[in-house]
Amino acid sequence: MTKVRDIVERLRQDFPEEIASQGDPVGMQIGSMDAEVNKVMTTLDVRPQVVEEAVERGVNFIVSHHPVMFRPARNLDFADPQNAMYGNLIKNGITVYSIHTNSDKAQDGSADWQAEELGLKNVQPFAPDDDGIAIGRKGELPKEMSAYDFAYYVKEKMGIKMARLITASNDKKIKTVAFICGDGGKFWHRAVDEGLDAFITGDVYYHVGHDMISSGLTVVDPGHYTEKLFKYKVYDRLKKWNEENNWNVGVELSEVSTNPFQDLF
């Protein structure tokens, strides 16, 4: 039988835990490396509805992008929904392993997948982390376009319903672009320092938006859920590795949307 450690060892080759940002709680979250795997499922987030999905589909190993335990539990009182979810995972023998900033920073990881999705040319590293490994990417658009059109370009390429445009002028010409997957707002000054035309990242705060406009930087905020790309890409790799390594496990893709926001028009 294939064990969790067999799959984790292969994942670590592509997404080394040691390159994760300092303090990022990647790796084993709940369960055991020695647990036998019947089915593995990829997801962006581990939320109660995802755990129920795993139980219904007979999944006993979840690979997620966002760690299920960002902060230590203060107790295991199941009156708390988060704790109840931990209990459900343990009760059903489900192991959880998370690949977060080590996916963003890895070669052919989340940042490179996003650059490909955006159709950027001449892609280069952007925003080195404390260890010198870049957490984002920068590149050139296939053609120059206005800030207004650029926002719609991002919306189309990322397959999202809504994107927020932050710019002093809708007519500003955009050619050079940088991005950070998820919430990378703290890196926007680097885009200014490097003289880039635009920056893409999620979760931009209201007052920071004012500062971005004052600096002359155009920013598109497509939301955080664009990181869902992770679950599709890792699903494809697990399917491939399953055949190559004769793991003989089921490989599932979570069909649950964990986006907490509804875009209403």
Protein backbone atom coordinates (compact mmCIF):
# COMPACT_ATOMS: atom_id res chain seq x y z
CA MET A 1 0.00 0.00 0.00
CA THR A 2 1.08 3.56 -0.72
CA LYS A 3 1.67 5.65 2.38
CA VAL A 4 1.41 9.38 2.94
CA ARG A 5 5.20 9.62 3.12
CA ASP A 6 5.54 8.17 -0.41
CA ILE A 7 3.45 10.98 -1.86
CA VAL A 8 4.91 13.67 0.40
CA GLU A 9 8.46 12.75 -0.56
CA ARG A 10 7.57 13.32 -4.22
CA LEU A 11 5.78 16.59 -3.46
CA ARG A 12 8.82 17.83 -1.53
CA GLN A 13 11.00 17.36 -4.60
CA ASP A 14 8.98 19.99 -6.46
CA PHE A 15 7.94 22.10 -3.45
CA PRO A 16 10.71 21.94 -0.81
CA GLU A 17 9.43 22.87 2.63
CA GLU A 18 12.67 24.66 3.46
CA ILE A 19 12.01 27.42 0.90
CA ALA A 20 8.72 28.44 2.53
CA SER A 21 8.62 31.95 3.98
CA GLN A 22 9.76 32.24 7.57
CA GLY A 23 6.97 31.30 9.96
CA ASP A 24 4.74 29.83 7.25
CA PRO A 25 3.30 26.61 8.75
CA VAL A 26 3.64 24.37 5.69
CA GLY A 27 3.94 20.59 5.64
CA MET A 28 2.12 18.04 7.77
CA GLN A 29 -0.92 19.54 9.45
CA ILE A 30 -2.95 16.63 10.80
CA GLY A 31 -2.41 12.88 10.55
CA SER A 32 0.53 10.57 10.05
CA MET A 33 3.23 10.02 7.46
CA ASP A 34 2.70 6.29 7.96
CA ALA A 35 -1.01 6.38 7.13
CA GLU A 36 -2.03 4.32 4.10
CA VAL A 37 -3.58 6.29 1.24
CA ASN A 38 -6.69 5.15 -0.60
CA LYS A 39 -7.56 8.47 -2.23
CA VAL A 40 -5.81 11.83 -2.30
CA MET A 41 -7.64 15.09 -3.03
CA THR A 42 -6.31 18.54 -3.88
CA THR A 43 -7.93 21.75 -2.65
CA LEU A 44 -7.12 25.42 -2.15
CA ASP A 45 -8.50 25.55 1.40
CA VAL A 46 -9.45 23.01 4.04
CA ARG A 47 -12.87 24.10 5.24
CA PRO A 48 -15.69 22.08 6.85
CA GLN A 49 -17.49 21.57 3.53
CA VAL A 50 -14.24 20.31 1.95
CA VAL A 51 -13.80 17.81 4.78
CA GLU A 52 -17.38 16.60 4.29
CA GLU A 53 -16.66 16.25 0.58
CA ALA A 54 -13.57 14.18 1.39
CA VAL A 55 -15.55 11.91 3.71
CA GLU A 56 -18.30 11.40 1.11
CA ARG A 57 -15.76 10.56 -1.59
CA GLY A 58 -13.68 8.21 0.54
CA VAL A 59 -10.64 10.49 0.55
CA ASN A 60 -8.15 9.97 3.37
CA PHE A 61 -5.37 12.35 2.28
CA ILE A 62 -5.86 16.04 1.47
CA VAL A 63 -3.20 18.21 -0.17
CA SER A 64 -4.03 21.90 0.25
CA HIS A 65 -2.44 25.19 -0.66
CA HIS A 66 -3.48 27.13 2.44
CA PRO A 67 -2.41 25.53 5.72
CA VAL A 68 -5.32 24.26 7.77
CA MET A 69 -3.61 25.41 10.98
CA PHE A 70 -2.31 28.96 10.50
CA ARG A 71 -2.46 29.47 14.27
CA PRO A 72 -2.20 26.92 17.08
CA ALA A 73 -5.49 25.75 18.57
CA ARG A 74 -5.97 27.05 22.12
CA ASN A 75 -8.24 24.14 22.95
CA LEU A 76 -10.19 21.38 21.22
CA ASP A 77 -13.67 22.47 22.24
CA PHE A 78 -15.83 21.23 19.37
CA ALA A 79 -18.29 24.08 19.92
CA ASP A 80 -15.80 26.04 17.83
CA PRO A 81 -16.37 25.23 14.11
CA GLN A 82 -12.64 25.15 13.36
CA ASN A 83 -12.03 22.68 16.18
CA ALA A 84 -15.02 20.61 15.09
CA MET A 85 -13.42 20.39 11.65
CA TYR A 86 -10.18 19.13 13.19
CA GLY A 87 -12.22 16.52 15.04
CA ASN A 88 -13.95 15.44 11.83
CA LEU A 89 -10.60 15.02 10.09
CA ILE A 90 -9.20 12.93 12.92
CA LYS A 91 -12.37 10.87 13.35
CA ASN A 92 -12.30 9.92 9.68
CA GLY A 93 -8.57 9.25 9.54
CA ILE A 94 -7.86 12.04 7.04
CA THR A 95 -4.29 13.32 6.81
CA VAL A 96 -3.71 16.91 5.66
CA TYR A 97 -0.51 18.23 4.08
CA SER A 98 -0.15 21.87 2.98
CA ILE A 99 2.07 23.54 0.39
CA HIS A 100 1.83 27.32 0.67
CA THR A 101 4.65 29.83 0.05
CA ASN A 102 6.92 26.97 -0.97
CA SER A 103 4.57 26.57 -3.95
CA ASP A 104 4.69 30.32 -4.66
CA LYS A 105 8.51 30.32 -4.63
CA ALA A 106 9.17 26.99 -6.33
CA GLN A 107 10.34 26.73 -9.91
CA ASP A 108 7.30 25.80 -11.99
CA GLY A 109 5.13 26.50 -8.97
CA SER A 110 2.25 28.87 -8.29
CA ALA A 111 3.99 32.06 -9.45
CA ASP A 112 5.08 30.52 -12.74
CA TRP A 113 1.62 29.01 -13.28
CA GLN A 114 0.11 32.45 -12.78
CA ALA A 115 2.58 34.06 -15.18
CA GLU A 116 1.61 31.49 -17.80
CA GLU A 117 -2.09 32.07 -17.16
CA LEU A 118 -1.57 35.82 -17.62
CA GLY A 119 0.35 35.28 -20.85
CA LEU A 120 3.38 37.28 -19.69
CA LYS A 121 6.52 37.37 -21.83
CA ASN A 122 10.16 37.62 -20.66
CA VAL A 123 9.17 36.40 -17.20
CA GLN A 124 11.66 37.07 -14.40
CA PRO A 125 11.73 36.67 -10.61
CA PHE A 126 10.11 39.45 -8.58
CA ALA A 127 10.27 40.31 -4.87
CA PRO A 128 12.96 38.13 -3.26
CA ASP A 129 11.99 36.74 0.13
CA ASP A 130 14.32 36.71 3.15
CA ASP A 131 16.21 33.75 1.66
CA GLY A 132 16.69 35.50 -1.67
CA ILE A 133 14.17 33.31 -3.52
CA ALA A 134 11.55 35.34 -5.35
CA ILE A 135 7.95 34.94 -4.26
CA GLY A 136 6.50 36.62 -7.35
CA ARG A 137 7.15 37.16 -11.05
CA LYS A 138 7.33 40.09 -13.46
CA GLY A 139 7.12 40.27 -17.21
CA GLU A 140 5.64 41.99 -20.23
CA LEU A 141 2.13 41.88 -21.61
CA PRO A 142 1.72 40.56 -25.16
CA LYS A 143 0.85 44.13 -26.17
CA GLU A 144 0.58 47.53 -24.55
CA MET A 145 -2.88 48.45 -23.34
CA SER A 146 -4.64 51.04 -21.21
CA ALA A 147 -5.06 50.52 -17.47
CA TYR A 148 -8.79 50.09 -18.03
CA ASP A 149 -8.29 47.41 -20.67
CA PHE A 150 -5.58 45.79 -18.55
CA ALA A 151 -8.04 45.24 -15.70
CA TYR A 152 -10.41 43.46 -18.08
CA TYR A 153 -7.48 41.49 -19.51
CA VAL A 154 -6.65 40.20 -16.01
CA LYS A 155 -10.31 39.42 -15.42
CA GLU A 156 -10.52 37.38 -18.62
CA LYS A 157 -7.21 35.53 -18.22
CA MET A 158 -7.88 34.59 -14.60
CA GLY A 159 -11.46 33.56 -15.30
CA ILE A 160 -12.97 35.72 -12.57
CA LYS A 161 -16.19 37.69 -12.39
CA MET A 162 -14.77 40.86 -10.88
CA ALA A 163 -11.46 42.68 -10.57
CA ARG A 164 -10.77 45.97 -8.79
CA LEU A 165 -8.76 48.59 -10.68
CA ILE A 166 -6.66 51.06 -8.69
CA THR A 167 -5.17 53.77 -10.91
CA ALA A 168 -4.80 57.53 -11.22
CA SER A 169 -5.71 57.30 -14.91
CA ASN A 170 -7.70 54.70 -16.82
CA ASP A 171 -5.73 55.71 -19.93
CA LYS A 172 -2.29 55.00 -18.48
CA LYS A 173 -0.33 52.71 -20.81
CA ILE A 174 0.52 49.30 -19.31
CA LYS A 175 3.25 47.02 -20.64
CA THR A 176 5.43 45.83 -17.73
CA VAL A 177 3.67 43.96 -14.93
CA ALA A 178 4.54 42.22 -11.66
CA PHE A 179 2.36 40.08 -9.45
CA ILE A 180 2.26 38.21 -6.16
CA CYS A 181 -0.19 35.32 -5.77
CA GLY A 182 -2.78 35.78 -3.02
CA ASP A 183 -2.12 38.68 -0.64
CA GLY A 184 1.14 40.36 -1.65
CA GLY A 185 0.23 43.94 -0.94
CA LYS A 186 3.33 44.56 1.15
CA PHE A 187 5.47 44.24 -2.00
CA TRP A 188 3.85 47.03 -4.02
CA HIS A 189 6.66 49.50 -3.23
CA ARG A 190 9.07 47.17 -5.03
CA ALA A 191 6.99 47.46 -8.20
CA VAL A 192 7.31 51.26 -7.92
CA ASP A 193 11.05 51.07 -7.24
CA GLU A 194 11.55 48.89 -10.33
CA GLY A 195 9.59 51.31 -12.51
CA LEU A 196 6.94 48.76 -13.49
CA ASP A 197 3.69 49.95 -15.01
CA ALA A 198 1.35 47.77 -12.99
CA PHE A 199 1.09 45.29 -10.13
CA ILE A 200 -1.41 42.48 -9.55
CA THR A 201 -2.24 41.12 -6.11
CA GLY A 202 -5.25 40.34 -3.94
CA ASP A 203 -6.66 41.81 -0.74
CA VAL A 204 -5.59 45.44 -1.27
CA TYR A 205 -6.61 47.62 1.68
CA TYR A 206 -8.55 50.85 1.16
CA HIS A 207 -5.91 53.27 2.47
CA VAL A 208 -3.10 51.40 0.74
CA GLY A 209 -5.06 51.87 -2.48
CA HIS A 210 -4.81 55.64 -1.97
CA ASP A 211 -1.04 55.35 -1.51
CA MET A 212 -0.73 53.27 -4.67
CA ILE A 213 -2.56 55.92 -6.69
CA SER A 214 -0.37 58.68 -5.22
CA SER A 215 2.75 56.74 -6.25
CA GLY A 216 1.56 56.50 -9.86
CA LEU A 217 1.34 52.71 -9.77
CA THR A 218 -1.61 50.98 -11.40
CA VAL A 219 -2.84 47.93 -9.46
CA VAL A 220 -5.40 45.26 -10.26
CA ASP A 221 -6.83 43.30 -7.33
CA PRO A 222 -8.38 40.07 -8.66
CA GLY A 223 -9.09 38.70 -5.18
CA HIS A 224 -7.40 35.89 -3.28
CA TYR A 225 -9.37 33.01 -4.74
CA THR A 226 -7.38 33.14 -7.99
CA GLU A 227 -4.96 30.84 -6.14
CA LYS A 228 -7.42 28.03 -6.88
CA LEU A 229 -5.09 27.35 -9.79
CA PHE A 230 -3.03 25.35 -7.27
CA LYS A 231 -5.56 22.57 -6.86
CA TYR A 232 -5.78 21.96 -10.61
CA LYS A 233 -2.03 21.98 -11.20
CA VAL A 234 -1.17 19.70 -8.27
CA TYR A 235 -4.04 17.38 -9.23
CA ASP A 236 -2.45 17.00 -12.69
CA ARG A 237 0.93 16.21 -11.15
CA LEU A 238 -0.48 13.68 -8.72
CA LYS A 239 -2.29 11.93 -11.57
CA LYS A 240 0.98 11.73 -13.50
CA TRP A 241 3.06 10.58 -10.51
CA ASN A 242 0.41 8.02 -9.56
CA GLU A 243 1.00 6.27 -12.87
CA GLU A 244 4.77 6.69 -12.86
CA ASN A 245 5.19 5.33 -9.33
CA ASN A 246 2.43 2.69 -9.36
CA TRP A 247 0.87 4.16 -6.24
CA ASN A 248 -2.53 2.77 -7.23
CA VAL A 249 -4.42 5.45 -5.32
CA GLY A 250 -7.44 7.45 -6.37
CA VAL A 251 -6.67 11.08 -7.25
CA GLU A 252 -9.52 13.52 -6.71
CA LEU A 253 -10.06 17.23 -7.34
CA SER A 254 -12.15 19.11 -4.80
CA GLU A 255 -15.27 20.52 -6.44
CA VAL A 256 -16.13 22.77 -3.49
CA SER A 257 -15.70 26.52 -3.93
CA THR A 258 -14.10 27.91 -0.79
CA ASN A 259 -14.33 31.52 -1.94
CA PRO A 260 -15.97 33.38 0.97
CA PHE A 261 -17.13 36.21 -1.28
CA GLN A 262 -20.00 36.42 -3.74
CA ASP A 263 -19.62 38.92 -6.55
CA LEU A 264 -23.05 40.48 -7.04
CA PHE A 265 -23.84 42.56 -10.12
